[in-house]
Amino acid sequence: MLVEEAEAVRAVVLNLESYGGETMALAEGYELLDRITLLSRLPRSVTRIGGVLTLPDDTPEVDALAAARPS
């Protein structure tokens, strides 16, 4: 994913929601946005290589942050 595409993902999810999109697609979209947001707050968890944002497969820090945030 290009770094610049993170905001595009947000726009797509919001647009899908405004048109009453598929519930599962919305859930997956918001989960991806949450993951991107949490990873961006962790030092060295997100790696940018040539403008590409990489999301690690195994990120216990993200799981800990997700569990700690209020619902």
Protein backbone atom coordinates (compact mmCIF):
# COMPACT_ATOMS: atom_id res chain seq x y z
CA MET A 1 0.00 0.00 0.00
CA LEU A 2 1.37 3.40 -0.89
CA VAL A 3 1.61 5.77 2.05
CA GLU A 4 -0.62 8.23 0.22
CA GLU A 5 -3.30 5.54 -0.16
CA ALA A 6 -4.15 5.39 3.55
CA GLU A 7 -6.43 8.43 3.20
CA ALA A 8 -7.89 6.93 0.02
CA VAL A 9 -8.83 3.82 2.02
CA ARG A 10 -10.61 6.04 4.54
CA ALA A 11 -12.49 7.84 1.74
CA VAL A 12 -13.53 4.55 0.15
CA VAL A 13 -14.84 3.16 3.44
CA LEU A 14 -16.78 6.36 4.21
CA ASN A 15 -18.20 6.43 0.68
CA LEU A 16 -19.22 2.78 0.93
CA GLU A 17 -20.89 3.47 4.25
CA SER A 18 -22.78 6.48 2.88
CA TYR A 19 -24.29 4.27 0.17
CA GLY A 20 -25.30 1.54 2.63
CA GLY A 21 -22.53 -0.82 1.62
CA GLU A 22 -22.09 -4.47 2.58
CA THR A 23 -21.72 -4.81 6.34
CA MET A 24 -18.79 -7.23 6.10
CA ALA A 25 -16.89 -4.95 3.71
CA LEU A 26 -17.44 -2.00 6.06
CA ALA A 27 -16.25 -4.00 9.05
CA GLU A 28 -13.10 -5.08 7.19
CA GLY A 29 -12.49 -1.53 5.98
CA TYR A 30 -12.76 -0.03 9.45
CA GLU A 31 -10.58 -2.81 10.87
CA LEU A 32 -7.91 -1.99 8.28
CA LEU A 33 -8.14 1.72 9.11
CA ASP A 34 -7.80 0.96 12.84
CA ARG A 35 -4.76 -1.21 12.16
CA ILE A 36 -3.14 1.49 10.02
CA THR A 37 -3.80 4.10 12.72
CA LEU A 38 -2.41 1.94 15.51
CA LEU A 39 0.66 0.94 13.52
CA SER A 40 1.38 4.55 12.67
CA ARG A 41 1.64 5.29 16.41
CA LEU A 42 4.22 2.59 17.08
CA PRO A 43 7.91 3.32 16.59
CA ARG A 44 9.45 1.25 13.81
CA SER A 45 6.36 -0.93 13.37
CA VAL A 46 5.50 0.67 10.07
CA THR A 47 8.17 0.55 7.42
CA ARG A 48 8.11 2.83 4.40
CA ILE A 49 10.06 1.50 1.46
CA GLY A 50 10.00 3.69 -1.63
CA GLY A 51 6.72 5.28 -0.56
CA VAL A 52 5.15 1.93 0.30
CA LEU A 53 3.66 1.40 3.77
CA THR A 54 4.29 -2.14 5.01
CA LEU A 55 2.12 -3.70 7.69
CA PRO A 56 3.82 -6.46 9.68
CA ASP A 57 1.91 -9.74 9.95
CA ASP A 58 2.75 -10.35 13.60
CA THR A 59 2.32 -7.24 15.74
CA PRO A 60 1.64 -8.00 19.40
CA GLU A 61 1.99 -4.28 20.14
CA VAL A 62 -1.05 -3.55 17.97
CA ASP A 63 -3.06 -6.25 19.72
CA ALA A 64 -2.12 -4.74 23.09
CA LEU A 65 -3.06 -1.22 21.97
CA ALA A 66 -6.34 -2.41 20.46
CA ALA A 67 -7.24 -4.20 23.69
CA ALA A 68 -6.39 -1.13 25.77
CA ARG A 69 -8.39 1.43 23.81
CA PRO A 70 -11.92 2.24 24.94
CA SER A 71 -14.81 0.76 22.95
